């Protein structure tokens, strides 16, 4: 004796006729569908919200809440993807037009032919799945485009746009939980001299190595390393106090220096180094993240003026 393999697809059957519910549900269950039953439109709405079916079969004419009003309420709940197959004894054009206007995907006429029901259900679910797959592919493509739009093509770090979006989001989040937000601004020392001596292609290679070292050093998933512009980099550290941020900054500075990228035109070291500014603030409604950026810039300027290849800190 053969057994029916369940297909894990759920159908909501809404009909006030007990015989119809029994016949149709048994037929669909034999095809492996899970069938949820409701005897009127109100029960159907509650069942829909609880079970989120893959397809809805609904009778057009029912007491309390008929099939047309049921479809309208499903639309009002924001669902325009779940296919609705309306069962109707009404075969006039006005009723058919009303069914489609209300949100029905297709209809079948009474008396019910179970073979027709099964085939319509299978076809509608197949079409619905294709649409959902296409929407998922489109959403993924849009997500990929968004990632590319926020990515620096040279270093593969977040670009300035990605940085602005992220620091705004973390500013708002830290403001809600009243936690510190820290920012590290880094500048490659004497990078113009580096480009002039080693030429721009090697300058690009240098920036890539610096970016990789930063990404390896800043390991928390919630932290962001970004190319702020040119040879300047930024690191956003949510929920990090000034001591933690300064420690990260020193680790980054040391990691870059330990790369030992030759820089004969640097007046501070025979290797590539960075100057680093650190700022920390507890976000509030009285200011915005620009205050944090300005403070980190001032700290970076201070690090440069004090001799470069060092970390300077400023608490806002």
C-alpha atoms as a PDB file:
ATOM      1  CA  UNK A   1       0.000   0.000   0.000  1.00  0.00           C
ATOM      2  CA  UNK A   2       1.494   3.361  -1.042  1.00  0.00           C
ATOM      3  CA  UNK A   3       1.804   6.223   1.399  1.00  0.00           C
ATOM      4  CA  UNK A   4       1.350   9.894   0.576  1.00  0.00           C
ATOM      5  CA  UNK A   5       4.409  12.047   1.095  1.00  0.00           C
ATOM      6  CA  UNK A   6       3.506  15.354   2.802  1.00  0.00           C
ATOM      7  CA  UNK A   7       4.513  18.414   0.809  1.00  0.00           C
ATOM      8  CA  UNK A   8       4.427  20.721   3.862  1.00  0.00           C
ATOM      9  CA  UNK A   9       2.188  23.219   2.075  1.00  0.00           C
ATOM     10  CA  UNK A  10      -0.739  24.575   4.018  1.00  0.00           C
ATOM     11  CA  UNK A  11      -4.177  25.357   2.609  1.00  0.00           C
ATOM     12  CA  UNK A  12      -6.894  27.313   4.379  1.00  0.00           C
ATOM     13  CA  UNK A  13     -10.396  26.185   3.390  1.00  0.00           C
ATOM     14  CA  UNK A  14     -13.176  28.620   4.339  1.00  0.00           C
ATOM     15  CA  UNK A  15     -16.696  27.349   3.632  1.00  0.00           C
ATOM     16  CA  UNK A  16     -19.913  27.259   5.653  1.00  0.00           C
ATOM     17  CA  UNK A  17     -20.991  23.972   4.030  1.00  0.00           C
ATOM     18  CA  UNK A  18     -19.888  21.036   6.183  1.00  0.00           C
ATOM     19  CA  UNK A  19     -20.101  18.584   3.273  1.00  0.00           C
ATOM     20  CA  UNK A  20     -17.929  20.771   1.027  1.00  0.00           C
ATOM     21  CA  UNK A  21     -15.366  21.184   3.786  1.00  0.00           C
ATOM     22  CA  UNK A  22     -15.229  17.426   4.325  1.00  0.00           C
ATOM     23  CA  UNK A  23     -14.985  16.476   0.623  1.00  0.00           C
ATOM     24  CA  UNK A  24     -12.464  19.110  -0.397  1.00  0.00           C
ATOM     25  CA  UNK A  25     -10.254  18.743   2.669  1.00  0.00           C
ATOM     26  CA  UNK A  26     -10.115  14.961   2.287  1.00  0.00           C
ATOM     27  CA  UNK A  27      -9.218  15.272  -1.394  1.00  0.00           C
ATOM     28  CA  UNK A  28      -6.427  17.768  -0.725  1.00  0.00           C
ATOM     29  CA  UNK A  29      -5.129  15.817   2.264  1.00  0.00           C
ATOM     30  CA  UNK A  30      -4.734  12.807  -0.031  1.00  0.00           C
ATOM     31  CA  UNK A  31      -2.383  14.970  -2.134  1.00  0.00           C
ATOM     32  CA  UNK A  32      -0.225  15.642   0.924  1.00  0.00           C
ATOM     33  CA  UNK A  33      -1.501  19.117   1.784  1.00  0.00           C
ATOM     34  CA  UNK A  34      -2.145  20.266   5.333  1.00  0.00           C
ATOM     35  CA  UNK A  35      -5.679  21.655   5.363  1.00  0.00           C
ATOM     36  CA  UNK A  36      -6.916  24.215   7.908  1.00  0.00           C
ATOM     37  CA  UNK A  37     -10.700  24.503   8.131  1.00  0.00           C
ATOM     38  CA  UNK A  38     -12.890  27.522   8.909  1.00  0.00           C
ATOM     39  CA  UNK A  39     -16.700  27.641   8.712  1.00  0.00           C
ATOM     40  CA  UNK A  40     -17.091  31.389   8.031  1.00  0.00           C
ATOM     41  CA  UNK A  41     -15.134  34.460   7.023  1.00  0.00           C
ATOM     42  CA  UNK A  42     -14.386  35.635  10.544  1.00  0.00           C
ATOM     43  CA  UNK A  43     -12.955  32.243  11.501  1.00  0.00           C
ATOM     44  CA  UNK A  44     -11.049  32.310   8.237  1.00  0.00           C
ATOM     45  CA  UNK A  45      -9.380  35.639   9.048  1.00  0.00           C
ATOM     46  CA  UNK A  46      -8.302  34.346  12.461  1.00  0.00           C
ATOM     47  CA  UNK A  47      -7.013  31.104  10.944  1.00  0.00           C
ATOM     48  CA  UNK A  48      -5.133  33.039   8.272  1.00  0.00           C
ATOM     49  CA  UNK A  49      -3.377  35.188  10.886  1.00  0.00           C
ATOM     50  CA  UNK A  50      -2.446  32.143  12.951  1.00  0.00           C
ATOM     51  CA  UNK A  51      -1.349  29.708  10.229  1.00  0.00           C
ATOM     52  CA  UNK A  52      -0.278  31.903   7.267  1.00  0.00           C
ATOM     53  CA  UNK A  53      -1.338  29.395   4.583  1.00  0.00           C
ATOM     54  CA  UNK A  54       0.255  28.932   1.167  1.00  0.00           C
ATOM     55  CA  UNK A  55      -3.168  29.122  -0.504  1.00  0.00           C
ATOM     56  CA  UNK A  56      -6.735  30.028   0.483  1.00  0.00           C
ATOM     57  CA  UNK A  57      -9.902  28.356  -0.770  1.00  0.00           C
ATOM     58  CA  UNK A  58     -12.939  30.453   0.128  1.00  0.00           C
ATOM     59  CA  UNK A  59     -16.650  30.209  -0.625  1.00  0.00           C
ATOM     60  CA  UNK A  60     -18.135  33.341  -2.155  1.00  0.00           C
ATOM     61  CA  UNK A  61     -21.495  33.197  -0.368  1.00  0.00           C
ATOM     62  CA  UNK A  62     -21.358  32.737   3.419  1.00  0.00           C
ATOM     63  CA  UNK A  63     -23.143  34.244   6.423  1.00  0.00           C
ATOM     64  CA  UNK A  64     -21.432  36.761   8.727  1.00  0.00           C
ATOM     65  CA  UNK A  65     -18.548  37.545   6.358  1.00  0.00           C
ATOM     66  CA  UNK A  66     -18.775  36.457   2.743  1.00  0.00           C
ATOM     67  CA  UNK A  67     -15.908  35.541   0.418  1.00  0.00           C
ATOM     68  CA  UNK A  68     -15.714  38.959  -1.209  1.00  0.00           C
ATOM     69  CA  UNK A  69     -15.406  40.775   2.125  1.00  0.00           C
ATOM     70  CA  UNK A  70     -12.956  38.105   3.290  1.00  0.00           C
ATOM     71  CA  UNK A  71     -10.678  38.821   0.313  1.00  0.00           C
ATOM     72  CA  UNK A  72     -10.852  42.549   0.989  1.00  0.00           C
ATOM     73  CA  UNK A  73      -9.794  42.012   4.602  1.00  0.00           C
ATOM     74  CA  UNK A  74      -6.865  39.808   3.532  1.00  0.00           C
ATOM     75  CA  UNK A  75      -5.709  42.645   1.269  1.00  0.00           C
ATOM     76  CA  UNK A  76      -6.035  45.111   4.138  1.00  0.00           C
ATOM     77  CA  UNK A  77      -3.730  42.868   6.175  1.00  0.00           C
ATOM     78  CA  UNK A  78      -1.076  43.574   3.546  1.00  0.00           C
ATOM     79  CA  UNK A  79      -1.002  40.191   1.817  1.00  0.00           C
ATOM     80  CA  UNK A  80      -1.120  40.316  -1.958  1.00  0.00           C
ATOM     81  CA  UNK A  81       0.983  37.212  -2.591  1.00  0.00           C
ATOM     82  CA  UNK A  82      -1.052  34.358  -1.086  1.00  0.00           C
ATOM     83  CA  UNK A  83      -3.251  32.995  -3.908  1.00  0.00           C
ATOM     84  CA  UNK A  84      -7.001  32.926  -3.216  1.00  0.00           C
ATOM     85  CA  UNK A  85      -9.187  30.457  -5.078  1.00  0.00           C
ATOM     86  CA  UNK A  86     -12.833  31.462  -4.749  1.00  0.00           C
ATOM     87  CA  UNK A  87     -15.571  28.829  -4.830  1.00  0.00           C
ATOM     88  CA  UNK A  88     -18.771  30.267  -6.251  1.00  0.00           C
ATOM     89  CA  UNK A  89     -22.196  29.257  -7.486  1.00  0.00           C
ATOM     90  CA  UNK A  90     -22.475  32.727  -8.990  1.00  0.00           C
ATOM     91  CA  UNK A  91     -21.546  32.609 -12.651  1.00  0.00           C
ATOM     92  CA  UNK A  92     -22.626  36.063 -13.828  1.00  0.00           C
ATOM     93  CA  UNK A  93     -19.932  38.429 -15.104  1.00  0.00           C
ATOM     94  CA  UNK A  94     -20.570  40.990 -12.375  1.00  0.00           C
ATOM     95  CA  UNK A  95     -19.887  38.455  -9.610  1.00  0.00           C
ATOM     96  CA  UNK A  96     -16.761  37.205 -11.366  1.00  0.00           C
ATOM     97  CA  UNK A  97     -15.464  40.761 -11.784  1.00  0.00           C
ATOM     98  CA  UNK A  98     -16.246  41.466  -8.146  1.00  0.00           C
ATOM     99  CA  UNK A  99     -14.288  38.370  -7.072  1.00  0.00           C
ATOM    100  CA  UNK A 100     -11.158  39.489  -8.938  1.00  0.00           C
ATOM    101  CA  UNK A 101     -11.538  43.081  -7.739  1.00  0.00           C
ATOM    102  CA  UNK A 102     -11.770  41.868  -4.144  1.00  0.00           C
ATOM    103  CA  UNK A 103      -8.458  40.031  -4.500  1.00  0.00           C
ATOM    104  CA  UNK A 104      -9.271  36.524  -5.711  1.00  0.00           C
ATOM    105  CA  UNK A 105      -6.584  34.970  -7.904  1.00  0.00           C
ATOM    106  CA  UNK A 106      -8.926  32.525  -9.636  1.00  0.00           C
ATOM    107  CA  UNK A 107     -12.362  30.933  -9.159  1.00  0.00           C
ATOM    108  CA  UNK A 108     -14.086  27.600  -9.601  1.00  0.00           C
ATOM    109  CA  UNK A 109     -17.803  27.063 -10.023  1.00  0.00           C
ATOM    110  CA  UNK A 110     -20.138  24.823  -8.082  1.00  0.00           C
ATOM    111  CA  UNK A 111     -20.911  21.963  -8.181  1.00  0.00           C
ATOM    112  CA  UNK A 112     -17.318  21.260  -7.219  1.00  0.00           C
ATOM    113  CA  UNK A 113     -15.211  18.925  -9.328  1.00  0.00           C
ATOM    114  CA  UNK A 114     -12.535  17.621  -6.959  1.00  0.00           C
ATOM    115  CA  UNK A 115     -10.115  16.871  -9.786  1.00  0.00           C
ATOM    116  CA  UNK A 116     -10.390  20.461 -10.986  1.00  0.00           C
ATOM    117  CA  UNK A 117      -9.876  21.730  -7.426  1.00  0.00           C
ATOM    118  CA  UNK A 118      -6.694  19.684  -7.014  1.00  0.00           C
ATOM    119  CA  UNK A 119      -5.224  20.846 -10.323  1.00  0.00           C
ATOM    120  CA  UNK A 120      -6.096  24.516  -9.725  1.00  0.00           C
ATOM    121  CA  UNK A 121      -4.587  24.360  -6.241  1.00  0.00           C
ATOM    122  CA  UNK A 122      -1.363  22.794  -7.500  1.00  0.00           C
ATOM    123  CA  UNK A 123      -1.047  25.284 -10.357  1.00  0.00           C
ATOM    124  CA  UNK A 124      -1.707  28.311  -8.155  1.00  0.00           C
ATOM    125  CA  UNK A 125       0.787  27.188  -5.522  1.00  0.00           C
ATOM    126  CA  UNK A 126       3.377  26.547  -8.223  1.00  0.00           C
ATOM    127  CA  UNK A 127       2.823  29.993  -9.724  1.00  0.00           C
ATOM    128  CA  UNK A 128       2.889  31.599  -6.275  1.00  0.00           C
ATOM    129  CA  UNK A 129       6.202  29.913  -5.454  1.00  0.00           C
ATOM    130  CA  UNK A 130       7.704  31.139  -8.734  1.00  0.00           C
ATOM    131  CA  UNK A 131       6.654  34.696  -7.906  1.00  0.00           C
ATOM    132  CA  UNK A 132       8.083  34.417  -4.383  1.00  0.00           C
ATOM    133  CA  UNK A 133      11.360  33.040  -5.766  1.00  0.00           C
ATOM    134  CA  UNK A 134      11.580  35.912  -8.249  1.00  0.00           C
ATOM    135  CA  UNK A 135      10.884  38.438  -5.489  1.00  0.00           C
ATOM    136  CA  UNK A 136      13.576  36.858  -3.322  1.00  0.00           C
ATOM    137  CA  UNK A 137      16.044  37.045  -6.214  1.00  0.00           C
ATOM    138  CA  UNK A 138      15.115  40.688  -6.773  1.00  0.00           C
ATOM    139  CA  UNK A 139      15.523  41.508  -3.079  1.00  0.00           C
ATOM    140  CA  UNK A 140      18.911  39.782  -3.057  1.00  0.00           C
ATOM    141  CA  UNK A 141      19.970  41.701  -6.156  1.00  0.00           C
ATOM    142  CA  UNK A 142      18.885  44.980  -4.544  1.00  0.00           C
ATOM    143  CA  UNK A 143      20.776  44.054  -1.386  1.00  0.00           C
ATOM    144  CA  UNK A 144      23.895  43.316  -3.442  1.00  0.00           C
ATOM    145  CA  UNK A 145      23.565  46.660  -5.213  1.00  0.00           C
ATOM    146  CA  UNK A 146      23.229  48.404  -1.865  1.00  0.00           C
ATOM    147  CA  UNK A 147      26.347  46.654  -0.583  1.00  0.00           C
ATOM    148  CA  UNK A 148      28.261  47.668  -3.705  1.00  0.00           C
ATOM    149  CA  UNK A 149      27.061  51.253  -3.356  1.00  0.00           C
ATOM    150  CA  UNK A 150      28.499  51.325   0.188  1.00  0.00           C
ATOM    151  CA  UNK A 151      31.768  49.580  -0.685  1.00  0.00           C
ATOM    152  CA  UNK A 152      35.115  51.148  -1.536  1.00  0.00           C
ATOM    153  CA  UNK A 153      36.260  49.484  -4.762  1.00  0.00           C
ATOM    154  CA  UNK A 154      39.974  49.616  -3.905  1.00  0.00           C
ATOM    155  CA  UNK A 155      40.103  48.428  -0.296  1.00  0.00           C
ATOM    156  CA  UNK A 156      36.770  46.549  -0.135  1.00  0.00           C
ATOM    157  CA  UNK A 157      36.020  48.426   3.077  1.00  0.00           C
ATOM    158  CA  UNK A 158      32.896  50.509   3.582  1.00  0.00           C
ATOM    159  CA  UNK A 159      33.108  53.800   1.740  1.00  0.00           C
ATOM    160  CA  UNK A 160      32.138  57.252   3.007  1.00  0.00           C
ATOM    161  CA  UNK A 161      28.483  56.645   2.242  1.00  0.00           C
ATOM    162  CA  UNK A 162      28.512  53.350   4.136  1.00  0.00           C
ATOM    163  CA  UNK A 163      30.298  55.050   7.021  1.00  0.00           C
ATOM    164  CA  UNK A 164      27.721  57.855   7.211  1.00  0.00           C
ATOM    165  CA  UNK A 165      24.823  55.393   7.209  1.00  0.00           C
ATOM    166  CA  UNK A 166      26.405  53.199   9.864  1.00  0.00           C
ATOM    167  CA  UNK A 167      27.499  55.905  12.282  1.00  0.00           C
ATOM    168  CA  UNK A 168      24.035  57.483  12.108  1.00  0.00           C
ATOM    169  CA  UNK A 169      22.420  54.131  12.893  1.00  0.00           C
ATOM    170  CA  UNK A 170      24.796  53.464  15.787  1.00  0.00           C
ATOM    171  CA  UNK A 171      24.423  57.005  17.061  1.00  0.00           C
ATOM    172  CA  UNK A 172      20.672  56.507  17.316  1.00  0.00           C
ATOM    173  CA  UNK A 173      21.091  53.098  18.947  1.00  0.00           C
ATOM    174  CA  UNK A 174      23.644  54.293  21.512  1.00  0.00           C
ATOM    175  CA  UNK A 175      21.403  57.267  22.307  1.00  0.00           C
ATOM    176  CA  UNK A 176      18.520  54.891  23.090  1.00  0.00           C
ATOM    177  CA  UNK A 177      20.581  52.710  25.421  1.00  0.00           C
ATOM    178  CA  UNK A 178      22.682  55.625  26.768  1.00  0.00           C
ATOM    179  CA  UNK A 179      25.973  53.921  25.898  1.00  0.00           C
ATOM    180  CA  UNK A 180      29.275  55.408  24.615  1.00  0.00           C
ATOM    181  CA  UNK A 181      30.098  55.587  20.931  1.00  0.00           C
ATOM    182  CA  UNK A 182      33.761  55.867  19.929  1.00  0.00           C
ATOM    183  CA  UNK A 183      35.353  56.867  16.645  1.00  0.00           C
ATOM    184  CA  UNK A 184      38.916  56.349  15.456  1.00  0.00           C
ATOM    185  CA  UNK A 185      40.253  58.444  12.581  1.00  0.00           C
ATOM    186  CA  UNK A 186      43.521  57.279  10.984  1.00  0.00           C
ATOM    187  CA  UNK A 187      45.723  58.972   8.409  1.00  0.00           C
ATOM    188  CA  UNK A 188      48.687  57.359   6.626  1.00  0.00           C
ATOM    189  CA  UNK A 189      51.705  59.520   7.431  1.00  0.00           C
ATOM    190  CA  UNK A 190      53.337  61.352   4.501  1.00  0.00           C
ATOM    191  CA  UNK A 191      51.307  59.435   1.966  1.00  0.00           C
ATOM    192  CA  UNK A 192      51.760  62.083  -0.726  1.00  0.00           C
ATOM    193  CA  UNK A 193      55.488  61.560  -0.397  1.00  0.00           C
ATOM    194  CA  UNK A 194      54.913  57.814  -0.691  1.00  0.00           C
ATOM    195  CA  UNK A 195      52.967  58.228  -3.933  1.00  0.00           C
ATOM    196  CA  UNK A 196      55.544  60.612  -5.343  1.00  0.00           C
ATOM    197  CA  UNK A 197      58.423  58.234  -4.631  1.00  0.00           C
ATOM    198  CA  UNK A 198      56.817  54.814  -5.302  1.00  0.00           C
ATOM    199  CA  UNK A 199      54.115  55.949  -7.776  1.00  0.00           C
ATOM    200  CA  UNK A 200      50.362  55.632  -7.473  1.00  0.00           C
ATOM    201  CA  UNK A 201      49.954  51.909  -8.320  1.00  0.00           C
ATOM    202  CA  UNK A 202      52.196  51.072  -5.384  1.00  0.00           C
ATOM    203  CA  UNK A 203      50.321  53.638  -3.327  1.00  0.00           C
ATOM    204  CA  UNK A 204      47.121  51.708  -4.021  1.00  0.00           C
ATOM    205  CA  UNK A 205      48.801  48.461  -2.962  1.00  0.00           C
ATOM    206  CA  UNK A 206      49.922  50.153   0.247  1.00  0.00           C
ATOM    207  CA  UNK A 207      46.368  51.268   1.054  1.00  0.00           C
ATOM    208  CA  UNK A 208      45.053  47.747   0.426  1.00  0.00           C
ATOM    209  CA  UNK A 209      47.607  46.298   2.862  1.00  0.00           C
ATOM    210  CA  UNK A 210      46.707  48.925   5.454  1.00  0.00           C
ATOM    211  CA  UNK A 211      43.000  48.166   5.021  1.00  0.00           C
ATOM    212  CA  UNK A 212      43.541  44.406   5.427  1.00  0.00           C
ATOM    213  CA  UNK A 213      45.609  44.946   8.585  1.00  0.00           C
ATOM    214  CA  UNK A 214      42.915  47.186  10.070  1.00  0.00           C
ATOM    215  CA  UNK A 215      40.168  44.702   9.288  1.00  0.00           C
ATOM    216  CA  UNK A 216      42.132  41.882  10.917  1.00  0.00           C
ATOM    217  CA  UNK A 217      42.829  43.969  14.016  1.00  0.00           C
ATOM    218  CA  UNK A 218      39.285  45.255  14.531  1.00  0.00           C
ATOM    219  CA  UNK A 219      37.534  41.956  15.142  1.00  0.00           C
ATOM    220  CA  UNK A 220      34.156  42.680  16.757  1.00  0.00           C
ATOM    221  CA  UNK A 221      31.279  42.072  14.372  1.00  0.00           C
ATOM    222  CA  UNK A 222      29.557  45.308  15.408  1.00  0.00           C
ATOM    223  CA  UNK A 223      32.569  47.519  14.636  1.00  0.00           C
ATOM    224  CA  UNK A 224      33.007  49.152  11.245  1.00  0.00           C
ATOM    225  CA  UNK A 225      36.229  49.901   9.380  1.00  0.00           C
ATOM    226  CA  UNK A 226      35.771  52.358   6.517  1.00  0.00           C
ATOM    227  CA  UNK A 227      37.848  54.250   4.003  1.00  0.00           C
ATOM    228  CA  UNK A 228      36.921  57.803   4.847  1.00  0.00           C
ATOM    229  CA  UNK A 229      38.685  59.315   1.866  1.00  0.00           C
ATOM    230  CA  UNK A 230      42.108  59.152   0.203  1.00  0.00           C
ATOM    231  CA  UNK A 231      44.583  57.828   2.759  1.00  0.00           C
ATOM    232  CA  UNK A 232      42.215  58.447   5.684  1.00  0.00           C
ATOM    233  CA  UNK A 233      40.367  55.628   7.448  1.00  0.00           C
ATOM    234  CA  UNK A 234      37.664  55.577  10.115  1.00  0.00           C
ATOM    235  CA  UNK A 235      36.685  52.950  12.685  1.00  0.00           C
ATOM    236  CA  UNK A 236      33.295  53.075  14.409  1.00  0.00           C
ATOM    237  CA  UNK A 237      33.200  51.369  17.817  1.00  0.00           C
ATOM    238  CA  UNK A 238      29.685  51.129  19.311  1.00  0.00           C
ATOM    239  CA  UNK A 239      29.285  50.638  23.051  1.00  0.00           C
ATOM    240  CA  UNK A 240      33.008  51.295  23.601  1.00  0.00           C
ATOM    241  CA  UNK A 241      34.452  53.696  26.164  1.00  0.00           C
ATOM    242  CA  UNK A 242      37.544  55.808  25.670  1.00  0.00           C
ATOM    243  CA  UNK A 243      39.878  53.245  27.234  1.00  0.00           C
ATOM    244  CA  UNK A 244      38.637  50.483  24.956  1.00  0.00           C
ATOM    245  CA  UNK A 245      38.800  52.725  21.895  1.00  0.00           C
ATOM    246  CA  UNK A 246      42.338  53.875  22.730  1.00  0.00           C
ATOM    247  CA  UNK A 247      43.427  50.251  23.110  1.00  0.00           C
ATOM    248  CA  UNK A 248      41.989  49.398  19.685  1.00  0.00           C
ATOM    249  CA  UNK A 249      43.668  52.467  18.196  1.00  0.00           C
ATOM    250  CA  UNK A 250      47.076  51.451  19.577  1.00  0.00           C
ATOM    251  CA  UNK A 251      46.620  47.923  18.264  1.00  0.00           C
ATOM    252  CA  UNK A 252      45.787  49.285  14.805  1.00  0.00           C
ATOM    253  CA  UNK A 253      48.757  51.669  14.814  1.00  0.00           C
ATOM    254  CA  UNK A 254      51.103  48.846  15.841  1.00  0.00           C
ATOM    255  CA  UNK A 255      49.655  46.457  13.235  1.00  0.00           C
ATOM    256  CA  UNK A 256      50.281  48.962  10.434  1.00  0.00           C
ATOM    257  CA  UNK A 257      53.818  49.661  11.576  1.00  0.00           C
ATOM    258  CA  UNK A 258      54.543  45.929  11.848  1.00  0.00           C
ATOM    259  CA  UNK A 259      53.710  45.514   8.163  1.00  0.00           C
ATOM    260  CA  UNK A 260      57.107  47.131   7.558  1.00  0.00           C
ATOM    261  CA  UNK A 261      56.098  48.675   4.252  1.00  0.00           C
ATOM    262  CA  UNK A 262      59.174  50.626   3.189  1.00  0.00           C
ATOM    263  CA  UNK A 263      58.753  54.421   3.188  1.00  0.00           C
ATOM    264  CA  UNK A 264      62.048  56.178   2.603  1.00  0.00           C
ATOM    265  CA  UNK A 265      60.440  59.613   2.357  1.00  0.00           C
ATOM    266  CA  UNK A 266      58.896  59.507   5.830  1.00  0.00           C
ATOM    267  CA  UNK A 267      60.537  61.725   8.413  1.00  0.00           C
ATOM    268  CA  UNK A 268      59.290  59.664  11.374  1.00  0.00           C
ATOM    269  CA  UNK A 269      60.044  56.049  10.417  1.00  0.00           C
ATOM    270  CA  UNK A 270      61.570  54.030   7.543  1.00  0.00           C
ATOM    271  CA  UNK A 271      58.225  52.210   7.301  1.00  0.00           C
ATOM    272  CA  UNK A 272      54.641  53.275   6.658  1.00  0.00           C
ATOM    273  CA  UNK A 273      52.969  54.533   9.838  1.00  0.00           C
ATOM    274  CA  UNK A 274      49.670  56.111  10.749  1.00  0.00           C
ATOM    275  CA  UNK A 275      48.565  58.939  12.992  1.00  0.00           C
ATOM    276  CA  UNK A 276      45.419  58.232  14.960  1.00  0.00           C
ATOM    277  CA  UNK A 277      42.743  60.365  16.601  1.00  0.00           C
ATOM    278  CA  UNK A 278      40.228  58.904  19.039  1.00  0.00           C
ATOM    279  CA  UNK A 279      37.018  60.476  20.304  1.00  0.00           C
ATOM    280  CA  UNK A 280      34.253  59.157  22.548  1.00  0.00           C
ATOM    281  CA  UNK A 281      30.809  60.496  23.335  1.00  0.00           C
ATOM    282  CA  UNK A 282      27.536  59.346  24.845  1.00  0.00           C
ATOM    283  CA  UNK A 283      25.056  60.409  22.145  1.00  0.00           C
ATOM    284  CA  UNK A 284      22.220  62.720  23.121  1.00  0.00           C
ATOM    285  CA  UNK A 285      19.521  64.745  21.423  1.00  0.00           C
ATOM    286  CA  UNK A 286      21.498  67.953  21.965  1.00  0.00           C
ATOM    287  CA  UNK A 287      24.096  67.020  19.301  1.00  0.00           C
ATOM    288  CA  UNK A 288      24.689  64.633  16.402  1.00  0.00           C
ATOM    289  CA  UNK A 289      27.439  62.352  15.124  1.00  0.00           C
ATOM    290  CA  UNK A 290      29.186  65.274  13.416  1.00  0.00           C
ATOM    291  CA  UNK A 291      30.340  66.346  16.883  1.00  0.00           C
ATOM    292  CA  UNK A 292      32.062  62.971  17.246  1.00  0.00           C
ATOM    293  CA  UNK A 293      33.701  63.282  13.817  1.00  0.00           C
ATOM    294  CA  UNK A 294      34.953  66.806  14.540  1.00  0.00           C
ATOM    295  CA  UNK A 295      36.413  65.680  17.861  1.00  0.00           C
ATOM    296  CA  UNK A 296      38.187  62.720  16.223  1.00  0.00           C
ATOM    297  CA  UNK A 297      39.541  65.060  13.530  1.00  0.00           C
ATOM    298  CA  UNK A 298      40.902  67.405  16.199  1.00  0.00           C
ATOM    299  CA  UNK A 299      42.516  64.465  17.983  1.00  0.00           C
ATOM    300  CA  UNK A 300      44.036  63.311  14.681  1.00  0.00           C
ATOM    301  CA  UNK A 301      45.423  66.798  14.033  1.00  0.00           C
ATOM    302  CA  UNK A 302      46.891  66.747  17.534  1.00  0.00           C
ATOM    303  CA  UNK A 303      48.578  63.393  16.859  1.00  0.00           C
ATOM    304  CA  UNK A 304      50.135  64.819  13.691  1.00  0.00           C
ATOM    305  CA  UNK A 305      51.283  68.024  15.357  1.00  0.00           C
ATOM    306  CA  UNK A 306      52.924  66.039  18.158  1.00  0.00           C
ATOM    307  CA  UNK A 307      55.117  64.113  15.724  1.00  0.00           C
ATOM    308  CA  UNK A 308      52.890  61.522  13.964  1.00  0.00           C
ATOM    309  CA  UNK A 309      52.974  57.734  14.418  1.00  0.00           C
ATOM    310  CA  UNK A 310      50.971  58.097  17.628  1.00  0.00           C
ATOM    311  CA  UNK A 311      47.476  58.055  19.128  1.00  0.00           C
ATOM    312  CA  UNK A 312      45.769  61.139  20.517  1.00  0.00           C
ATOM    313  CA  UNK A 313      42.483  61.047  22.424  1.00  0.00           C
ATOM    314  CA  UNK A 314      39.693  63.577  22.894  1.00  0.00           C
ATOM    315  CA  UNK A 315      36.549  63.015  24.955  1.00  0.00           C
ATOM    316  CA  UNK A 316      33.557  65.095  23.872  1.00  0.00           C
END
